[in-house]
Amino acid sequence: MTRILVIEDDGGTAEEIQLELRAAGHEVCHAASLGSAAALVDGANFDLLILDRQLPDGEGLALLSDLRARGQHTPALVLSALGSLDDRVRGLRAGGDDYLAKPFALVELIARVEALLRRPNDTRETRLIAGPLDLDLLAGSATRAGRDLALLPRELKLLDYMVRRPGRIITRSMLLQDVWGYSFEPNTNVVDVHMGRLRRKVDGEGEAQLIRNVRGQGYVFDLPH
């Protein structure tokens, strides 16, 4: 059974989240302040943190930044009424793995929790080097042998996903589920469009092909020998 810590000072919201998580089969603990949350995190192992930003004794991102600085990589879903683009970027750069603006639907919260729990632990690394590729996930940048790839956010997320699975066939269904967050496969060519654009940026003229299409199956990321 997975253990989840909910850090939320609003009693009603915290209770709704806990009930929904328990109904989904998770063990849940609750903290209503930064102080109590810090004590719980230090004394127990959790599989996921769900934390509000605006807490009675400070900013939830301060706790998250401190945990990341100490090497604590427990995935974190940030909840907040602060939902602007700048707020979301700040939450992710502070160490959040996902950001959900209030008000939100509980069914979406559960879907995001399930997606985070499916990720392997190494997805919290923020710097990846694979052959000539250098990905800085915090800065949102990627280079190949020093050449800036000028990736859009979705393209960077796709490349991140591929780089972590070298030599494996990555199906369109996997990408739709894990990169786009779809729990069903829509009738769309969105994966092929994005992957085509990504391959043109990553594999320049005269360079060894790093991303290849496997007809009828998906894509493979190949490290050069």
Protein backbone atom coordinates (compact mmCIF):
# COMPACT_ATOMS: atom_id res chain seq x y z
CA MET A 1 0.00 0.00 0.00
CA THR A 2 1.35 3.41 -0.96
CA ARG A 3 1.74 6.07 1.76
CA ILE A 4 0.74 9.65 0.93
CA LEU A 5 1.19 12.77 3.05
CA VAL A 6 -1.41 15.49 2.49
CA ILE A 7 -0.21 18.93 3.63
CA GLU A 8 -3.30 21.15 3.61
CA ASP A 9 -4.58 23.60 6.22
CA ASP A 10 -8.17 23.82 4.98
CA GLY A 11 -10.00 21.13 6.96
CA GLY A 12 -12.75 20.51 4.42
CA THR A 13 -10.39 20.22 1.47
CA ALA A 14 -8.02 17.97 3.42
CA GLU A 15 -10.85 15.66 4.45
CA GLU A 16 -12.18 15.34 0.89
CA ILE A 17 -8.73 14.52 -0.44
CA GLN A 18 -8.06 11.95 2.27
CA LEU A 19 -11.39 10.20 1.76
CA GLU A 20 -10.83 9.99 -1.99
CA LEU A 21 -7.28 8.69 -1.62
CA ARG A 22 -8.29 6.06 0.93
CA ALA A 23 -11.12 4.94 -1.33
CA ALA A 24 -8.49 4.46 -4.05
CA GLY A 25 -6.53 2.17 -1.70
CA HIS A 26 -3.84 4.49 -0.36
CA GLU A 27 -2.67 4.99 3.21
CA VAL A 28 -2.92 8.69 4.04
CA CYS A 29 -1.41 10.99 6.69
CA HIS A 30 -2.34 14.63 7.15
CA ALA A 31 -0.47 17.75 8.26
CA ALA A 32 -2.02 21.21 8.54
CA SER A 33 1.21 23.22 8.83
CA LEU A 34 4.81 23.30 7.64
CA GLY A 35 6.08 22.41 11.10
CA SER A 36 3.99 19.29 11.48
CA ALA A 37 4.67 18.28 7.87
CA ALA A 38 8.45 18.60 8.35
CA ALA A 39 8.28 16.39 11.44
CA LEU A 40 6.27 13.74 9.60
CA VAL A 41 8.54 13.74 6.55
CA ASP A 42 11.63 13.38 8.72
CA GLY A 43 10.14 10.51 10.70
CA ALA A 44 8.50 8.40 8.00
CA ASN A 45 8.86 7.28 4.40
CA PHE A 46 6.17 8.46 1.98
CA ASP A 47 5.58 7.52 -1.63
CA LEU A 48 4.01 10.89 -2.49
CA LEU A 49 3.52 14.37 -1.05
CA ILE A 50 0.48 16.51 -1.80
CA LEU A 51 1.08 20.01 -0.50
CA ASP A 52 -0.69 23.32 -0.48
CA ARG A 53 1.39 26.45 -0.99
CA GLN A 54 -0.35 28.87 1.38
CA LEU A 55 0.00 27.39 4.86
CA PRO A 56 -0.45 29.12 8.26
CA ASP A 57 3.27 29.14 9.07
CA GLY A 58 4.69 29.81 5.62
CA GLU A 59 5.00 28.90 1.95
CA GLY A 60 4.71 25.21 1.11
CA LEU A 61 7.35 25.56 -1.59
CA ALA A 62 9.90 26.44 1.11
CA LEU A 63 9.47 22.98 2.60
CA LEU A 64 9.71 21.38 -0.83
CA SER A 65 12.88 23.29 -1.73
CA ASP A 66 14.45 22.27 1.57
CA LEU A 67 13.62 18.61 1.00
CA ARG A 68 15.12 18.69 -2.50
CA ALA A 69 18.27 20.43 -1.19
CA ARG A 70 18.66 17.58 1.31
CA GLY A 71 18.37 14.95 -1.39
CA GLN A 72 14.76 13.98 -0.67
CA HIS A 73 13.21 12.98 -4.02
CA THR A 74 9.73 11.88 -2.94
CA PRO A 75 7.42 12.98 -5.77
CA ALA A 76 5.29 16.01 -4.92
CA LEU A 77 1.99 17.30 -6.26
CA VAL A 78 1.60 21.01 -5.47
CA LEU A 79 -1.92 22.35 -4.85
CA SER A 80 -2.64 26.06 -4.87
CA ALA A 81 -5.17 28.77 -5.58
CA LEU A 82 -2.19 30.52 -7.21
CA GLY A 83 -2.67 29.20 -10.71
CA SER A 84 -0.94 31.62 -13.09
CA LEU A 85 1.77 30.41 -15.45
CA ASP A 86 4.44 32.07 -13.30
CA ASP A 87 3.07 30.37 -10.18
CA ARG A 88 3.08 26.95 -11.85
CA VAL A 89 6.63 27.43 -13.14
CA ARG A 90 7.78 28.50 -9.69
CA GLY A 91 6.19 25.40 -8.16
CA LEU A 92 7.90 23.07 -10.61
CA ARG A 93 11.26 24.78 -10.25
CA ALA A 94 11.02 24.49 -6.46
CA GLY A 95 10.93 20.71 -6.90
CA GLY A 96 7.29 19.94 -7.63
CA ASP A 97 6.60 17.07 -10.02
CA ASP A 98 3.13 18.33 -10.89
CA TYR A 99 0.99 21.39 -10.14
CA LEU A 100 -2.79 21.48 -9.76
CA ALA A 101 -4.60 24.79 -9.40
CA LYS A 102 -7.58 25.17 -7.08
CA PRO A 103 -10.46 24.62 -7.46
CA PHE A 104 -9.93 21.15 -8.90
CA ALA A 105 -11.98 18.01 -9.50
CA LEU A 106 -11.12 15.12 -7.20
CA VAL A 107 -11.14 12.73 -10.15
CA GLU A 108 -8.34 14.79 -11.75
CA LEU A 109 -6.40 14.81 -8.49
CA ILE A 110 -6.57 11.01 -8.31
CA ALA A 111 -5.51 10.69 -11.96
CA ARG A 112 -2.48 12.89 -11.34
CA VAL A 113 -1.60 10.95 -8.19
CA GLU A 114 -1.75 7.69 -10.12
CA ALA A 115 0.44 9.14 -12.89
CA LEU A 116 3.07 10.30 -10.39
CA LEU A 117 3.12 6.96 -8.62
CA ARG A 118 3.67 5.17 -11.94
CA ARG A 119 6.88 7.07 -12.60
CA PRO A 120 10.17 5.35 -11.80
CA ASN A 121 12.15 7.08 -9.07
CA ASP A 122 14.85 8.31 -11.41
CA THR A 123 12.39 10.66 -13.14
CA ARG A 124 13.07 13.21 -10.41
CA GLU A 125 16.59 13.79 -11.73
CA THR A 126 16.78 17.26 -13.23
CA ARG A 127 19.96 16.89 -15.33
CA LEU A 128 20.35 14.12 -17.88
CA ILE A 129 23.36 13.42 -20.09
CA ALA A 130 23.02 10.74 -22.76
CA GLY A 131 25.77 10.60 -25.33
CA PRO A 132 25.85 14.01 -27.05
CA LEU A 133 22.59 15.09 -25.41
CA ASP A 134 22.48 17.30 -22.31
CA LEU A 135 19.04 17.97 -20.80
CA ASP A 136 18.56 20.56 -18.05
CA LEU A 137 14.97 20.01 -16.94
CA LEU A 138 14.92 22.89 -14.46
CA ALA A 139 16.14 25.38 -17.04
CA GLY A 140 13.91 23.79 -19.68
CA SER A 141 16.78 23.45 -22.15
CA ALA A 142 18.50 20.74 -24.16
CA THR A 143 21.62 20.66 -26.29
CA ARG A 144 23.27 18.16 -28.62
CA ALA A 145 27.07 18.44 -28.68
CA GLY A 146 26.65 22.04 -27.57
CA ARG A 147 23.98 22.85 -30.19
CA ASP A 148 20.85 24.37 -28.64
CA LEU A 149 17.84 22.27 -29.67
CA ALA A 150 15.29 25.02 -28.89
CA LEU A 151 12.71 22.51 -27.67
CA LEU A 152 9.18 23.41 -26.74
CA PRO A 153 8.05 22.18 -23.28
CA ARG A 154 6.21 19.16 -24.67
CA GLU A 155 9.15 18.26 -26.88
CA LEU A 156 11.50 18.43 -23.89
CA LYS A 157 9.16 16.17 -21.94
CA LEU A 158 9.07 13.69 -24.82
CA LEU A 159 12.86 13.66 -25.11
CA ASP A 160 13.19 13.25 -21.33
CA TYR A 161 10.86 10.23 -21.52
CA MET A 162 12.79 8.66 -24.41
CA VAL A 163 16.25 9.26 -22.95
CA ARG A 164 15.32 7.40 -19.76
CA ARG A 165 14.35 4.32 -21.77
CA PRO A 166 17.22 3.72 -24.24
CA GLY A 167 16.84 0.80 -26.61
CA ARG A 168 13.20 0.19 -25.69
CA ILE A 169 10.29 0.48 -28.09
CA ILE A 170 8.12 3.33 -26.83
CA THR A 171 4.59 2.94 -28.14
CA ARG A 172 2.21 5.76 -28.95
CA SER A 173 -0.08 4.51 -26.19
CA MET A 174 2.73 4.83 -23.64
CA LEU A 175 3.44 8.40 -24.74
CA LEU A 176 -0.23 9.40 -24.69
CA GLN A 177 -0.62 8.00 -21.19
CA ASP A 178 2.65 9.08 -19.57
CA VAL A 179 3.44 12.34 -21.40
CA TRP A 180 -0.01 13.66 -22.26
CA GLY A 181 -1.78 12.06 -19.29
CA TYR A 182 -4.57 10.45 -21.32
CA SER A 183 -6.22 7.39 -19.78
CA PHE A 184 -7.63 6.50 -23.22
CA GLU A 185 -6.26 6.62 -26.75
CA PRO A 186 -7.92 9.40 -28.72
CA ASN A 187 -8.23 9.27 -32.48
CA THR A 188 -5.42 11.74 -33.11
CA ASN A 189 -1.97 11.92 -34.67
CA VAL A 190 -0.68 14.30 -31.96
CA VAL A 191 2.14 11.90 -30.99
CA ASP A 192 3.42 11.54 -34.55
CA VAL A 193 3.31 15.29 -35.15
CA HIS A 194 5.27 16.09 -31.98
CA MET A 195 7.74 13.24 -32.48
CA GLY A 196 8.38 14.26 -36.08
CA ARG A 197 9.21 17.79 -34.98
CA LEU A 198 11.39 16.50 -32.12
CA ARG A 199 13.36 14.17 -34.41
CA ARG A 200 14.09 17.00 -36.84
CA LYS A 201 15.50 19.10 -33.99
CA VAL A 202 17.51 16.33 -32.31
CA ASP A 203 18.91 14.61 -35.40
CA GLY A 204 20.51 17.30 -37.52
CA GLU A 205 22.02 16.88 -40.97
CA GLY A 206 25.09 14.65 -40.85
CA GLU A 207 24.49 13.60 -37.23
CA ALA A 208 23.95 10.02 -36.04
CA GLN A 209 20.27 9.21 -35.67
CA LEU A 210 19.27 9.07 -32.00
CA ILE A 211 15.49 8.69 -32.41
CA ARG A 212 14.11 6.21 -34.92
CA ASN A 213 10.66 5.15 -35.93
CA VAL A 214 9.76 1.46 -35.63
CA ARG A 215 7.01 0.95 -38.20
CA GLY A 216 3.72 -0.07 -36.65
CA GLN A 217 5.14 -0.10 -33.11
CA GLY A 218 6.48 3.25 -31.97
CA TYR A 219 9.86 4.88 -31.41
CA VAL A 220 13.28 3.96 -30.00
CA PHE A 221 16.01 6.15 -28.54
CA ASP A 222 19.43 4.81 -29.55
CA LEU A 223 22.66 5.95 -27.93
CA PRO A 224 25.52 6.17 -30.44
CA HIS A 225 28.25 3.55 -30.04
